[in-house]
């Protein structure tokens, strides 16, 4: 469990998820599901293809794109999780993620990217049909 590790021994990814979980526990974010107990999806087949092509390490092909049915889900901008900055600013960006803010024109200085929306899906969810395969 991530909360049982010594914070000084966590790598960058573990620290990110640790702080995201700590922020999510605040009353204002109480309706969100834990990222550690959820699945992730996209809002369209095109976005799912884009995500599939970014996976590292590269999985074996073809990658199936499967429709998902869920009662609870949120569209959140992943860019807030990836900005390289000090810990205090990272925590502020993680709050923007949970506030479901879109990262247009952020940060004010440095690299700007178009929003990268992921759909956080609370479990249980139901898998539907395979709607596409990514072969390239």
Protein backbone atom coordinates (compact mmCIF):
# COMPACT_ATOMS: atom_id res chain seq x y z
CA UNK A 1 0.00 0.00 0.00
CA UNK A 2 1.38 3.40 -0.97
CA UNK A 3 0.52 5.04 2.37
CA UNK A 4 2.64 2.49 4.24
CA UNK A 5 5.88 3.48 2.50
CA UNK A 6 8.31 5.96 3.94
CA UNK A 7 7.78 9.17 1.98
CA UNK A 8 11.56 9.66 1.67
CA UNK A 9 11.90 6.35 -0.19
CA UNK A 10 9.15 7.02 -2.77
CA UNK A 11 10.00 7.68 -6.40
CA UNK A 12 8.41 10.52 -8.38
CA UNK A 13 5.38 8.48 -9.51
CA UNK A 14 4.71 7.12 -6.03
CA UNK A 15 4.94 10.61 -4.53
CA UNK A 16 2.50 11.94 -7.12
CA UNK A 17 -0.06 9.24 -6.31
CA UNK A 18 0.52 9.66 -2.57
CA UNK A 19 -0.22 13.39 -2.71
CA UNK A 20 -3.17 12.89 -5.06
CA UNK A 21 -4.67 10.44 -2.56
CA UNK A 22 -4.06 12.76 0.38
CA UNK A 23 -5.73 15.67 -1.43
CA UNK A 24 -8.64 13.47 -2.54
CA UNK A 25 -9.40 12.66 1.11
CA UNK A 26 -10.34 16.30 1.74
CA UNK A 27 -14.07 16.91 2.17
CA UNK A 28 -14.37 18.96 -1.03
CA UNK A 29 -13.17 15.98 -3.11
CA UNK A 30 -15.04 13.27 -1.16
CA UNK A 31 -17.16 12.21 -4.16
CA UNK A 32 -14.15 11.21 -6.26
CA UNK A 33 -13.02 7.60 -6.39
CA UNK A 34 -9.42 6.75 -5.58
CA UNK A 35 -7.16 6.65 -8.63
CA UNK A 36 -5.65 3.52 -7.08
CA UNK A 37 -9.02 1.74 -7.15
CA UNK A 38 -10.29 2.96 -10.50
CA UNK A 39 -9.78 2.38 -14.17
CA UNK A 40 -9.01 4.94 -16.84
CA UNK A 41 -10.67 5.50 -20.17
CA UNK A 42 -11.03 8.13 -22.89
CA UNK A 43 -13.97 10.20 -24.11
CA UNK A 44 -13.75 8.98 -27.70
CA UNK A 45 -12.26 6.22 -29.82
CA UNK A 46 -9.79 8.75 -31.30
CA UNK A 47 -8.59 9.74 -27.83
CA UNK A 48 -8.30 6.07 -26.82
CA UNK A 49 -6.16 5.41 -29.91
CA UNK A 50 -3.96 8.39 -29.01
CA UNK A 51 -3.48 7.06 -25.46
CA UNK A 52 -2.77 3.53 -26.75
CA UNK A 53 -0.03 4.88 -29.00
CA UNK A 54 1.66 6.58 -26.01
CA UNK A 55 1.94 3.47 -23.80
CA UNK A 56 5.46 2.73 -22.59
CA UNK A 57 6.62 0.03 -22.64
CA UNK A 58 4.97 -0.57 -25.99
CA UNK A 59 2.47 -3.44 -25.61
CA UNK A 60 1.97 -6.23 -28.10
CA UNK A 61 -0.36 -5.30 -30.94
CA UNK A 62 -3.21 -5.22 -31.66
CA UNK A 63 -4.51 -3.25 -28.66
CA UNK A 64 -8.28 -3.58 -28.27
CA UNK A 65 -10.33 -0.46 -27.52
CA UNK A 66 -13.30 -1.54 -25.39
CA UNK A 67 -16.42 0.43 -24.56
CA UNK A 68 -17.03 0.86 -20.83
CA UNK A 69 -20.29 1.50 -18.96
CA UNK A 70 -20.09 3.16 -15.56
CA UNK A 71 -22.34 5.03 -13.16
CA UNK A 72 -19.58 7.22 -11.73
CA UNK A 73 -16.84 8.82 -13.81
CA UNK A 74 -14.98 12.12 -14.18
CA UNK A 75 -13.10 13.75 -17.04
CA UNK A 76 -9.84 15.13 -15.63
CA UNK A 77 -6.86 16.83 -17.27
CA UNK A 78 -3.72 14.70 -16.90
CA UNK A 79 -1.45 17.63 -17.78
CA UNK A 80 -1.71 18.81 -14.16
CA UNK A 81 0.06 15.60 -13.11
CA UNK A 82 3.03 15.94 -15.44
CA UNK A 83 4.39 19.47 -15.00
CA UNK A 84 7.96 19.51 -13.71
CA UNK A 85 8.16 21.90 -10.77
CA UNK A 86 8.83 22.03 -7.05
CA UNK A 87 6.72 20.04 -4.58
CA UNK A 88 4.59 22.99 -3.44
CA UNK A 89 3.63 23.88 -7.01
CA UNK A 90 3.02 20.20 -7.86
CA UNK A 91 0.54 19.93 -4.99
CA UNK A 92 -1.26 23.06 -6.29
CA UNK A 93 -1.43 21.45 -9.75
CA UNK A 94 -2.76 18.19 -8.24
CA UNK A 95 -5.59 20.24 -6.70
CA UNK A 96 -6.35 21.63 -10.17
CA UNK A 97 -6.60 18.03 -11.38
CA UNK A 98 -9.19 17.17 -8.70
CA UNK A 99 -11.05 20.44 -9.35
CA UNK A 100 -11.40 19.16 -12.96
CA UNK A 101 -9.79 22.34 -14.28
CA UNK A 102 -8.60 22.36 -17.86
CA UNK A 103 -4.93 23.28 -18.28
CA UNK A 104 -5.35 25.69 -21.20
CA UNK A 105 -2.69 28.39 -21.02
CA UNK A 106 -1.02 26.79 -18.02
CA UNK A 107 1.54 27.13 -16.72
CA UNK A 108 1.95 30.83 -17.42
CA UNK A 109 5.64 30.21 -18.13
CA UNK A 110 7.25 27.13 -19.60
CA UNK A 111 5.92 24.40 -21.84
CA UNK A 112 2.26 24.58 -22.76
CA UNK A 113 0.39 21.57 -24.06
CA UNK A 114 -3.16 20.98 -25.20
CA UNK A 115 -5.35 19.41 -22.48
CA UNK A 116 -4.91 15.66 -22.04
CA UNK A 117 -8.26 14.41 -20.73
CA UNK A 118 -8.52 11.04 -19.03
CA UNK A 119 -11.75 9.57 -17.76
CA UNK A 120 -11.41 8.29 -14.20
CA UNK A 121 -13.95 5.49 -13.75
CA UNK A 122 -15.11 4.35 -10.33
CA UNK A 123 -15.47 0.61 -10.02
CA UNK A 124 -17.52 -1.41 -10.57
CA UNK A 125 -17.83 -0.74 -14.27
CA UNK A 126 -19.03 -2.94 -17.10
CA UNK A 127 -17.01 -3.77 -20.21
CA UNK A 128 -18.90 -3.74 -23.47
CA UNK A 129 -17.84 -4.55 -27.01
CA UNK A 130 -14.46 -4.13 -28.64
CA UNK A 131 -14.99 -1.06 -30.81
CA UNK A 132 -11.55 -0.76 -32.43
CA UNK A 133 -8.06 -2.24 -32.57
CA UNK A 134 -4.85 -0.20 -32.57
CA UNK A 135 -2.45 -1.98 -34.88
CA UNK A 136 0.31 0.55 -35.55
